[in-house]
Amino acid sequence: MPRRYPEEFRRKVLDLVAAGRPVAQVAVDLGISDQTIYTWRKQELIDTGQLPGATSVEQSELTAARRRIRELEHEVAILKRSRELLKEQGNSPKGGTRP
């Protein structure tokens, strides 16, 4: 799993790059990948509307939605399996008799 850096740290790194320091030098000085800095810079351009793409807020909402969909799919699978087990046993969850 990728390492998460605090937002404040990301902001300071991007400020150093914006001030004219070379990405490679900042990466070496701080012990992070230069590709990480390029990714952060690209996302910043997207967030500020300078490049097309999904903003950070949209990405986090999408991640949360996908997580919720996985949870619901898991719940549906459990319910389907329990229904199958009840059918195999011949038992109705309501007692099997109608008034």
PDB file of N, CA and C in Angstrom:
ATOM      1  N   MET A   1       0.850  -1.181   0.000  1.00  0.00           N
ATOM      2  CA  MET A   1       0.000   0.000   0.000  1.00  0.00           C
ATOM      3  C   MET A   1       0.895   1.242   0.000  1.00  0.00           C
ATOM      4  N   PRO A   2       0.551   2.249  -0.814  1.00  0.00           N
ATOM      5  CA  PRO A   2       1.373   3.443  -0.880  1.00  0.00           C
ATOM      6  C   PRO A   2       1.388   4.192   0.447  1.00  0.00           C
ATOM      7  N   ARG A   3       2.522   4.807   0.722  1.00  0.00           N
ATOM      8  CA  ARG A   3       2.658   5.576   1.952  1.00  0.00           C
ATOM      9  C   ARG A   3       1.893   6.883   1.814  1.00  0.00           C
ATOM     10  N   ARG A   4       1.195   7.286   2.856  1.00  0.00           N
ATOM     11  CA  ARG A   4       0.451   8.544   2.855  1.00  0.00           C
ATOM     12  C   ARG A   4       1.265   9.613   3.579  1.00  0.00           C
ATOM     13  N   TYR A   5       1.402  10.766   2.956  1.00  0.00           N
ATOM     14  CA  TYR A   5       2.095  11.894   3.560  1.00  0.00           C
ATOM     15  C   TYR A   5       1.057  12.915   4.006  1.00  0.00           C
ATOM     16  N   PRO A   6       1.336  13.614   5.107  1.00  0.00           N
ATOM     17  CA  PRO A   6       0.394  14.636   5.573  1.00  0.00           C
ATOM     18  C   PRO A   6       0.222  15.741   4.523  1.00  0.00           C
ATOM     19  N   GLU A   7      -0.947  16.327   4.487  1.00  0.00           N
ATOM     20  CA  GLU A   7      -1.245  17.387   3.521  1.00  0.00           C
ATOM     21  C   GLU A   7      -0.294  18.573   3.685  1.00  0.00           C
ATOM     22  N   GLU A   8       0.052  18.886   4.909  1.00  0.00           N
ATOM     23  CA  GLU A   8       0.969  20.007   5.163  1.00  0.00           C
ATOM     24  C   GLU A   8       2.342  19.747   4.531  1.00  0.00           C
ATOM     25  N   PHE A   9       2.814  18.508   4.642  1.00  0.00           N
ATOM     26  CA  PHE A   9       4.090  18.131   4.038  1.00  0.00           C
ATOM     27  C   PHE A   9       4.016  18.268   2.517  1.00  0.00           C
ATOM     28  N   ARG A  10       2.941  17.776   1.930  1.00  0.00           N
ATOM     29  CA  ARG A  10       2.761  17.892   0.473  1.00  0.00           C
ATOM     30  C   ARG A  10       2.786  19.352   0.041  1.00  0.00           C
ATOM     31  N   ARG A  11       2.074  20.196   0.805  1.00  0.00           N
ATOM     32  CA  ARG A  11       1.999  21.614   0.475  1.00  0.00           C
ATOM     33  C   ARG A  11       3.400  22.235   0.493  1.00  0.00           C
ATOM     34  N   LYS A  12       4.207  21.904   1.509  1.00  0.00           N
ATOM     35  CA  LYS A  12       5.557  22.471   1.611  1.00  0.00           C
ATOM     36  C   LYS A  12       6.440  22.000   0.457  1.00  0.00           C
ATOM     37  N   VAL A  13       6.303  20.727   0.086  1.00  0.00           N
ATOM     38  CA  VAL A  13       7.081  20.191  -1.040  1.00  0.00           C
ATOM     39  C   VAL A  13       6.712  20.929  -2.319  1.00  0.00           C
ATOM     40  N   LEU A  14       5.427  21.104  -2.558  1.00  0.00           N
ATOM     41  CA  LEU A  14       4.981  21.800  -3.767  1.00  0.00           C
ATOM     42  C   LEU A  14       5.397  23.269  -3.755  1.00  0.00           C
ATOM     43  N   ASP A  15       5.440  23.875  -2.578  1.00  0.00           N
ATOM     44  CA  ASP A  15       5.912  25.256  -2.477  1.00  0.00           C
ATOM     45  C   ASP A  15       7.389  25.357  -2.833  1.00  0.00           C
ATOM     46  N   LEU A  16       8.188  24.375  -2.405  1.00  0.00           N
ATOM     47  CA  LEU A  16       9.608  24.369  -2.752  1.00  0.00           C
ATOM     48  C   LEU A  16       9.799  24.264  -4.263  1.00  0.00           C
ATOM     49  N   VAL A  17       9.031  23.391  -4.888  1.00  0.00           N
ATOM     50  CA  VAL A  17       9.125  23.208  -6.335  1.00  0.00           C
ATOM     51  C   VAL A  17       8.659  24.477  -7.053  1.00  0.00           C
ATOM     52  N   ALA A  18       7.577  25.080  -6.564  1.00  0.00           N
ATOM     53  CA  ALA A  18       7.059  26.304  -7.179  1.00  0.00           C
ATOM     54  C   ALA A  18       8.049  27.457  -7.036  1.00  0.00           C
ATOM     55  N   ALA A  19       8.868  27.416  -5.983  1.00  0.00           N
ATOM     56  CA  ALA A  19       9.863  28.464  -5.761  1.00  0.00           C
ATOM     57  C   ALA A  19      11.067  28.312  -6.685  1.00  0.00           C
ATOM     58  N   GLY A  20      11.108  27.225  -7.456  1.00  0.00           N
ATOM     59  CA  GLY A  20      12.179  27.067  -8.424  1.00  0.00           C
ATOM     60  C   GLY A  20      13.187  25.977  -8.135  1.00  0.00           C
ATOM     61  N   ARG A  21      13.032  25.290  -7.013  1.00  0.00           N
ATOM     62  CA  ARG A  21      13.958  24.201  -6.726  1.00  0.00           C
ATOM     63  C   ARG A  21      13.660  23.021  -7.637  1.00  0.00           C
ATOM     64  N   PRO A  22      14.675  22.356  -8.150  1.00  0.00           N
ATOM     65  CA  PRO A  22      14.449  21.202  -9.032  1.00  0.00           C
ATOM     66  C   PRO A  22      13.763  20.055  -8.283  1.00  0.00           C
ATOM     67  N   VAL A  23      12.835  19.403  -8.962  1.00  0.00           N
ATOM     68  CA  VAL A  23      12.084  18.291  -8.365  1.00  0.00           C
ATOM     69  C   VAL A  23      13.047  17.209  -7.877  1.00  0.00           C
ATOM     70  N   ALA A  24      14.042  16.880  -8.686  1.00  0.00           N
ATOM     71  CA  ALA A  24      14.984  15.824  -8.312  1.00  0.00           C
ATOM     72  C   ALA A  24      15.724  16.174  -7.021  1.00  0.00           C
ATOM     73  N   GLN A  25      16.103  17.439  -6.868  1.00  0.00           N
ATOM     74  CA  GLN A  25      16.834  17.848  -5.662  1.00  0.00           C
ATOM     75  C   GLN A  25      15.938  17.800  -4.429  1.00  0.00           C
ATOM     76  N   VAL A  26      14.703  18.276  -4.570  1.00  0.00           N
ATOM     77  CA  VAL A  26      13.759  18.243  -3.448  1.00  0.00           C
ATOM     78  C   VAL A  26      13.502  16.793  -3.041  1.00  0.00           C
ATOM     79  N   ALA A  27      13.359  15.913  -4.026  1.00  0.00           N
ATOM     80  CA  ALA A  27      13.096  14.504  -3.741  1.00  0.00           C
ATOM     81  C   ALA A  27      14.255  13.882  -2.965  1.00  0.00           C
ATOM     82  N   VAL A  28      15.473  14.157  -3.392  1.00  0.00           N
ATOM     83  CA  VAL A  28      16.648  13.602  -2.702  1.00  0.00           C
ATOM     84  C   VAL A  28      16.752  14.174  -1.292  1.00  0.00           C
ATOM     85  N   ASP A  29      16.582  15.481  -1.160  1.00  0.00           N
ATOM     86  CA  ASP A  29      16.704  16.132   0.152  1.00  0.00           C
ATOM     87  C   ASP A  29      15.691  15.599   1.159  1.00  0.00           C
ATOM     88  N   LEU A  30      14.490  15.302   0.694  1.00  0.00           N
ATOM     89  CA  LEU A  30      13.421  14.879   1.609  1.00  0.00           C
ATOM     90  C   LEU A  30      13.233  13.363   1.654  1.00  0.00           C
ATOM     91  N   GLY A  31      13.949  12.642   0.800  1.00  0.00           N
ATOM     92  CA  GLY A  31      13.871  11.184   0.821  1.00  0.00           C
ATOM     93  C   GLY A  31      12.571  10.631   0.276  1.00  0.00           C
ATOM     94  N   ILE A  32      12.029  11.307  -0.725  1.00  0.00           N
ATOM     95  CA  ILE A  32      10.818  10.801  -1.362  1.00  0.00           C
ATOM     96  C   ILE A  32      11.082  10.645  -2.854  1.00  0.00           C
ATOM     97  N   SER A  33      10.210   9.953  -3.517  1.00  0.00           N
ATOM     98  CA  SER A  33      10.346   9.711  -4.949  1.00  0.00           C
ATOM     99  C   SER A  33      10.017  10.977  -5.738  1.00  0.00           C
ATOM    100  N   ASP A  34      10.795  11.226  -6.784  1.00  0.00           N
ATOM    101  CA  ASP A  34      10.475  12.378  -7.626  1.00  0.00           C
ATOM    102  C   ASP A  34       9.144  12.172  -8.338  1.00  0.00           C
ATOM    103  N   GLN A  35       8.805  10.913  -8.624  1.00  0.00           N
ATOM    104  CA  GLN A  35       7.514  10.626  -9.256  1.00  0.00           C
ATOM    105  C   GLN A  35       6.362  11.023  -8.336  1.00  0.00           C
ATOM    106  N   THR A  36       6.556  10.874  -7.038  1.00  0.00           N
ATOM    107  CA  THR A  36       5.534  11.279  -6.072  1.00  0.00           C
ATOM    108  C   THR A  36       5.287  12.776  -6.178  1.00  0.00           C
ATOM    109  N   ILE A  37       6.362  13.538  -6.279  1.00  0.00           N
ATOM    110  CA  ILE A  37       6.228  14.993  -6.390  1.00  0.00           C
ATOM    111  C   ILE A  37       5.520  15.364  -7.687  1.00  0.00           C
ATOM    112  N   TYR A  38       5.876  14.715  -8.784  1.00  0.00           N
ATOM    113  CA  TYR A  38       5.203  14.992 -10.058  1.00  0.00           C
ATOM    114  C   TYR A  38       3.711  14.677  -9.970  1.00  0.00           C
ATOM    115  N   THR A  39       3.368  13.592  -9.287  1.00  0.00           N
ATOM    116  CA  THR A  39       1.958  13.223  -9.118  1.00  0.00           C
ATOM    117  C   THR A  39       1.222  14.280  -8.308  1.00  0.00           C
ATOM    118  N   TRP A  40       1.849  14.738  -7.221  1.00  0.00           N
ATOM    119  CA  TRP A  40       1.232  15.774  -6.397  1.00  0.00           C
ATOM    120  C   TRP A  40       1.041  17.060  -7.186  1.00  0.00           C
ATOM    121  N   ARG A  41       2.040  17.416  -7.986  1.00  0.00           N
ATOM    122  CA  ARG A  41       1.959  18.641  -8.764  1.00  0.00           C
ATOM    123  C   ARG A  41       0.838  18.554  -9.805  1.00  0.00           C
ATOM    124  N   LYS A  42       0.733  17.404 -10.446  1.00  0.00           N
ATOM    125  CA  LYS A  42      -0.342  17.224 -11.428  1.00  0.00           C
ATOM    126  C   LYS A  42      -1.704  17.324 -10.754  1.00  0.00           C
ATOM    127  N   GLN A  43      -1.858  16.693  -9.576  1.00  0.00           N
ATOM    128  CA  GLN A  43      -3.140  16.753  -8.867  1.00  0.00           C
ATOM    129  C   GLN A  43      -3.451  18.181  -8.442  1.00  0.00           C
ATOM    130  N   GLU A  44      -2.439  18.933  -8.065  1.00  0.00           N
ATOM    131  CA  GLU A  44      -2.657  20.335  -7.701  1.00  0.00           C
ATOM    132  C   GLU A  44      -3.175  21.127  -8.904  1.00  0.00           C
ATOM    133  N   LEU A  45      -2.618  20.870 -10.077  1.00  0.00           N
ATOM    134  CA  LEU A  45      -3.079  21.549 -11.291  1.00  0.00           C
ATOM    135  C   LEU A  45      -4.527  21.174 -11.610  1.00  0.00           C
ATOM    136  N   ILE A  46      -4.890  19.923 -11.360  1.00  0.00           N
ATOM    137  CA  ILE A  46      -6.275  19.484 -11.571  1.00  0.00           C
ATOM    138  C   ILE A  46      -7.201  20.165 -10.566  1.00  0.00           C
ATOM    139  N   ASP A  47      -6.770  20.201  -9.296  1.00  0.00           N
ATOM    140  CA  ASP A  47      -7.598  20.807  -8.248  1.00  0.00           C
ATOM    141  C   ASP A  47      -7.823  22.299  -8.478  1.00  0.00           C
ATOM    142  N   THR A  48      -6.838  22.969  -9.089  1.00  0.00           N
ATOM    143  CA  THR A  48      -6.974  24.408  -9.338  1.00  0.00           C
ATOM    144  C   THR A  48      -7.634  24.700 -10.677  1.00  0.00           C
ATOM    145  N   GLY A  49      -8.010  23.663 -11.425  1.00  0.00           N
ATOM    146  CA  GLY A  49      -8.716  23.841 -12.677  1.00  0.00           C
ATOM    147  C   GLY A  49      -7.823  24.105 -13.881  1.00  0.00           C
ATOM    148  N   GLN A  50      -6.527  23.949 -13.718  1.00  0.00           N
ATOM    149  CA  GLN A  50      -5.606  24.194 -14.821  1.00  0.00           C
ATOM    150  C   GLN A  50      -5.473  22.994 -15.751  1.00  0.00           C
ATOM    151  N   LEU A  51      -5.831  21.823 -15.252  1.00  0.00           N
ATOM    152  CA  LEU A  51      -5.835  20.601 -16.059  1.00  0.00           C
ATOM    153  C   LEU A  51      -7.178  19.908 -15.864  1.00  0.00           C
ATOM    154  N   PRO A  52      -7.661  19.201 -16.890  1.00  0.00           N
ATOM    155  CA  PRO A  52      -8.908  18.453 -16.707  1.00  0.00           C
ATOM    156  C   PRO A  52      -8.656  17.185 -15.891  1.00  0.00           C
ATOM    157  N   GLY A  53      -9.671  16.767 -15.181  1.00  0.00           N
ATOM    158  CA  GLY A  53      -9.570  15.533 -14.402  1.00  0.00           C
ATOM    159  C   GLY A  53     -10.398  15.626 -13.139  1.00  0.00           C
ATOM    160  N   ALA A  54     -10.377  14.540 -12.382  1.00  0.00           N
ATOM    161  CA  ALA A  54     -11.137  14.465 -11.130  1.00  0.00           C
ATOM    162  C   ALA A  54     -10.353  15.138 -10.011  1.00  0.00           C
ATOM    163  N   THR A  55     -11.010  16.047  -9.307  1.00  0.00           N
ATOM    164  CA  THR A  55     -10.353  16.738  -8.200  1.00  0.00           C
ATOM    165  C   THR A  55     -10.160  15.780  -7.024  1.00  0.00           C
ATOM    166  N   SER A  56      -9.392  16.228  -6.051  1.00  0.00           N
ATOM    167  CA  SER A  56      -9.135  15.407  -4.858  1.00  0.00           C
ATOM    168  C   SER A  56     -10.427  15.084  -4.123  1.00  0.00           C
ATOM    169  N   VAL A  57     -11.322  16.062  -4.048  1.00  0.00           N
ATOM    170  CA  VAL A  57     -12.608  15.853  -3.374  1.00  0.00           C
ATOM    171  C   VAL A  57     -13.422  14.802  -4.121  1.00  0.00           C
ATOM    172  N   GLU A  58     -13.459  14.911  -5.440  1.00  0.00           N
ATOM    173  CA  GLU A  58     -14.192  13.932  -6.240  1.00  0.00           C
ATOM    174  C   GLU A  58     -13.584  12.541  -6.098  1.00  0.00           C
ATOM    175  N   GLN A  59     -12.264  12.478  -6.055  1.00  0.00           N
ATOM    176  CA  GLN A  59     -11.586  11.184  -5.893  1.00  0.00           C
ATOM    177  C   GLN A  59     -11.945  10.547  -4.559  1.00  0.00           C
ATOM    178  N   SER A  60     -11.957  11.347  -3.492  1.00  0.00           N
ATOM    179  CA  SER A  60     -12.283  10.780  -2.181  1.00  0.00           C
ATOM    180  C   SER A  60     -13.741  10.333  -2.121  1.00  0.00           C
ATOM    181  N   GLU A  61     -14.645  11.091  -2.755  1.00  0.00           N
ATOM    182  CA  GLU A  61     -16.052  10.685  -2.808  1.00  0.00           C
ATOM    183  C   GLU A  61     -16.215   9.394  -3.601  1.00  0.00           C
ATOM    184  N   LEU A  62     -15.487   9.283  -4.694  1.00  0.00           N
ATOM    185  CA  LEU A  62     -15.551   8.081  -5.519  1.00  0.00           C
ATOM    186  C   LEU A  62     -15.026   6.865  -4.756  1.00  0.00           C
ATOM    187  N   THR A  63     -13.950   7.048  -4.027  1.00  0.00           N
ATOM    188  CA  THR A  63     -13.388   5.965  -3.218  1.00  0.00           C
ATOM    189  C   THR A  63     -14.390   5.510  -2.158  1.00  0.00           C
ATOM    190  N   ALA A  64     -15.027   6.468  -1.491  1.00  0.00           N
ATOM    191  CA  ALA A  64     -16.019   6.132  -0.469  1.00  0.00           C
ATOM    192  C   ALA A  64     -17.214   5.410  -1.096  1.00  0.00           C
ATOM    193  N   ALA A  65     -17.646   5.852  -2.265  1.00  0.00           N
ATOM    194  CA  ALA A  65     -18.775   5.210  -2.936  1.00  0.00           C
ATOM    195  C   ALA A  65     -18.429   3.778  -3.338  1.00  0.00           C
ATOM    196  N   ARG A  66     -17.223   3.578  -3.867  1.00  0.00           N
ATOM    197  CA  ARG A  66     -16.810   2.222  -4.240  1.00  0.00           C
ATOM    198  C   ARG A  66     -16.729   1.313  -3.026  1.00  0.00           C
ATOM    199  N   ARG A  67     -16.252   1.836  -1.905  1.00  0.00           N
ATOM    200  CA  ARG A  67     -16.179   1.044  -0.671  1.00  0.00           C
ATOM    201  C   ARG A  67     -17.583   0.637  -0.232  1.00  0.00           C
ATOM    202  N   ARG A  68     -18.524   1.581  -0.282  1.00  0.00           N
ATOM    203  CA  ARG A  68     -19.910   1.294   0.123  1.00  0.00           C
ATOM    204  C   ARG A  68     -20.557   0.274  -0.810  1.00  0.00           C
ATOM    205  N   ILE A  69     -20.283   0.374  -2.102  1.00  0.00           N
ATOM    206  CA  ILE A  69     -20.815  -0.597  -3.064  1.00  0.00           C
ATOM    207  C   ILE A  69     -20.298  -1.993  -2.740  1.00  0.00           C
ATOM    208  N   ARG A  70     -19.011  -2.113  -2.430  1.00  0.00           N
ATOM    209  CA  ARG A  70     -18.443  -3.427  -2.058  1.00  0.00           C
ATOM    210  C   ARG A  70     -19.131  -3.990  -0.825  1.00  0.00           C
ATOM    211  N   GLU A  71     -19.366  -3.128   0.180  1.00  0.00           N
ATOM    212  CA  GLU A  71     -20.049  -3.570   1.392  1.00  0.00           C
ATOM    213  C   GLU A  71     -21.459  -4.076   1.073  1.00  0.00           C
ATOM    214  N   LEU A  72     -22.185  -3.329   0.266  1.00  0.00           N
ATOM    215  CA  LEU A  72     -23.554  -3.717  -0.077  1.00  0.00           C
ATOM    216  C   LEU A  72     -23.579  -5.003  -0.897  1.00  0.00           C
ATOM    217  N   GLU A  73     -22.642  -5.153  -1.824  1.00  0.00           N
ATOM    218  CA  GLU A  73     -22.573  -6.389  -2.606  1.00  0.00           C
ATOM    219  C   GLU A  73     -22.293  -7.583  -1.697  1.00  0.00           C
ATOM    220  N   HIS A  74     -21.451  -7.375  -0.693  1.00  0.00           N
ATOM    221  CA  HIS A  74     -21.146  -8.444   0.261  1.00  0.00           C
ATOM    222  C   HIS A  74     -22.400  -8.811   1.062  1.00  0.00           C
ATOM    223  N   GLU A  75     -23.147  -7.799   1.495  1.00  0.00           N
ATOM    224  CA  GLU A  75     -24.380  -8.051   2.237  1.00  0.00           C
ATOM    225  C   GLU A  75     -25.394  -8.809   1.388  1.00  0.00           C
ATOM    226  N   VAL A  76     -25.528  -8.440   0.135  1.00  0.00           N
ATOM    227  CA  VAL A  76     -26.456  -9.121  -0.767  1.00  0.00           C
ATOM    228  C   VAL A  76     -26.052 -10.579  -0.931  1.00  0.00           C
ATOM    229  N   ALA A  77     -24.756 -10.833  -1.076  1.00  0.00           N
ATOM    230  CA  ALA A  77     -24.264 -12.209  -1.222  1.00  0.00           C
ATOM    231  C   ALA A  77     -24.596 -13.035   0.022  1.00  0.00           C
ATOM    232  N   ILE A  78     -24.453 -12.434   1.184  1.00  0.00           N
ATOM    233  CA  ILE A  78     -24.779 -13.136   2.435  1.00  0.00           C
ATOM    234  C   ILE A  78     -26.275 -13.455   2.486  1.00  0.00           C
ATOM    235  N   LEU A  79     -27.096 -12.492   2.124  1.00  0.00           N
ATOM    236  CA  LEU A  79     -28.547 -12.713   2.145  1.00  0.00           C
ATOM    237  C   LEU A  79     -28.969 -13.792   1.149  1.00  0.00           C
ATOM    238  N   LYS A  80     -28.370 -13.782  -0.036  1.00  0.00           N
ATOM    239  CA  LYS A  80     -28.689 -14.815  -1.034  1.00  0.00           C
ATOM    240  C   LYS A  80     -28.305 -16.191  -0.514  1.00  0.00           C
ATOM    241  N   ARG A  81     -27.136 -16.285   0.090  1.00  0.00           N
ATOM    242  CA  ARG A  81     -26.682 -17.576   0.613  1.00  0.00           C
ATOM    243  C   ARG A  81     -27.582 -18.060   1.746  1.00  0.00           C
ATOM    244  N   SER A  82     -27.993 -17.164   2.623  1.00  0.00           N
ATOM    245  CA  SER A  82     -28.873 -17.577   3.724  1.00  0.00           C
ATOM    246  C   SER A  82     -30.238 -18.009   3.190  1.00  0.00           C
ATOM    247  N   ARG A  83     -30.728 -17.346   2.146  1.00  0.00           N
ATOM    248  CA  ARG A  83     -31.987 -17.756   1.522  1.00  0.00           C
ATOM    249  C   ARG A  83     -31.865 -19.164   0.932  1.00  0.00           C
ATOM    250  N   GLU A  84     -30.738 -19.439   0.269  1.00  0.00           N
ATOM    251  CA  GLU A  84     -30.504 -20.775  -0.294  1.00  0.00           C
ATOM    252  C   GLU A  84     -30.475 -21.835   0.798  1.00  0.00           C
ATOM    253  N   LEU A  85     -29.819 -21.531   1.914  1.00  0.00           N
ATOM    254  CA  LEU A  85     -29.752 -22.494   3.018  1.00  0.00           C
ATOM    255  C   LEU A  85     -31.132 -22.768   3.600  1.00  0.00           C
ATOM    256  N   LEU A  86     -31.936 -21.722   3.711  1.00  0.00           N
ATOM    257  CA  LEU A  86     -33.286 -21.922   4.245  1.00  0.00           C
ATOM    258  C   LEU A  86     -34.137 -22.761   3.292  1.00  0.00           C
ATOM    259  N   LYS A  87     -33.975 -22.569   2.001  1.00  0.00           N
ATOM    260  CA  LYS A  87     -34.711 -23.372   1.018  1.00  0.00           C
ATOM    261  C   LYS A  87     -34.298 -24.833   1.101  1.00  0.00           C
ATOM    262  N   GLU A  88     -33.007 -25.085   1.268  1.00  0.00           N
ATOM    263  CA  GLU A  88     -32.512 -26.460   1.365  1.00  0.00           C
ATOM    264  C   GLU A  88     -33.097 -27.181   2.570  1.00  0.00           C
ATOM    265  N   GLN A  89     -33.270 -26.438   3.657  1.00  0.00           N
ATOM    266  CA  GLN A  89     -33.802 -27.049   4.869  1.00  0.00           C
ATOM    267  C   GLN A  89     -35.322 -27.187   4.802  1.00  0.00           C
ATOM    268  N   GLY A  90     -35.933 -26.486   3.882  1.00  0.00           N
ATOM    269  CA  GLY A  90     -37.383 -26.554   3.765  1.00  0.00           C
ATOM    270  C   GLY A  90     -38.090 -25.723   4.798  1.00  0.00           C
ATOM    271  N   ASN A  91     -37.386 -24.927   5.492  1.00  0.00           N
ATOM    272  CA  ASN A  91     -37.979 -24.077   6.525  1.00  0.00           C
ATOM    273  C   ASN A  91     -38.255 -22.695   5.958  1.00  0.00           C
ATOM    274  N   SER A  92     -39.396 -22.196   6.241  1.00  0.00           N
ATOM    275  CA  SER A  92     -39.724 -20.835   5.861  1.00  0.00           C
ATOM    276  C   SER A  92     -39.346 -19.920   7.018  1.00  0.00           C
ATOM    277  N   PRO A  93     -38.779 -18.788   6.752  1.00  0.00           N
ATOM    278  CA  PRO A  93     -38.411 -17.886   7.847  1.00  0.00           C
ATOM    279  C   PRO A  93     -39.614 -17.386   8.623  1.00  0.00           C
ATOM    280  N   LYS A  94     -40.836 -17.539   8.053  1.00  0.00           N
ATOM    281  CA  LYS A  94     -42.044 -17.076   8.731  1.00  0.00           C
ATOM    282  C   LYS A  94     -42.798 -18.226   9.382  1.00  0.00           C
ATOM    283  N   GLY A  95     -42.219 -19.375   9.445  1.00  0.00           N
ATOM    284  CA  GLY A  95     -42.885 -20.484  10.125  1.00  0.00           C
ATOM    285  C   GLY A  95     -43.526 -21.474   9.170  1.00  0.00           C
ATOM    286  N   GLY A  96     -43.716 -21.132   7.934  1.00  0.00           N
ATOM    287  CA  GLY A  96     -44.199 -22.072   6.941  1.00  0.00           C
ATOM    288  C   GLY A  96     -45.700 -22.280   6.917  1.00  0.00           C
ATOM    289  N   THR A  97     -46.468 -21.617   7.760  1.00  0.00           N
ATOM    290  CA  THR A  97     -47.926 -21.790   7.721  1.00  0.00           C
ATOM    291  C   THR A  97     -48.588 -20.459   7.461  1.00  0.00           C
ATOM    292  N   ARG A  98     -49.692 -20.550   6.761  1.00  0.00           N
ATOM    293  CA  ARG A  98     -50.461 -19.325   6.503  1.00  0.00           C
ATOM    294  C   ARG A  98     -51.799 -19.462   7.200  1.00  0.00           C
ATOM    295  N   PRO A  99     -52.267 -18.378   7.795  1.00  0.00           N
ATOM    296  CA  PRO A  99     -53.579 -18.432   8.475  1.00  0.00           C
ATOM    297  C   PRO A  99     -54.731 -18.540   7.501  1.00  0.00           C
TER     298      PRO A  99
END
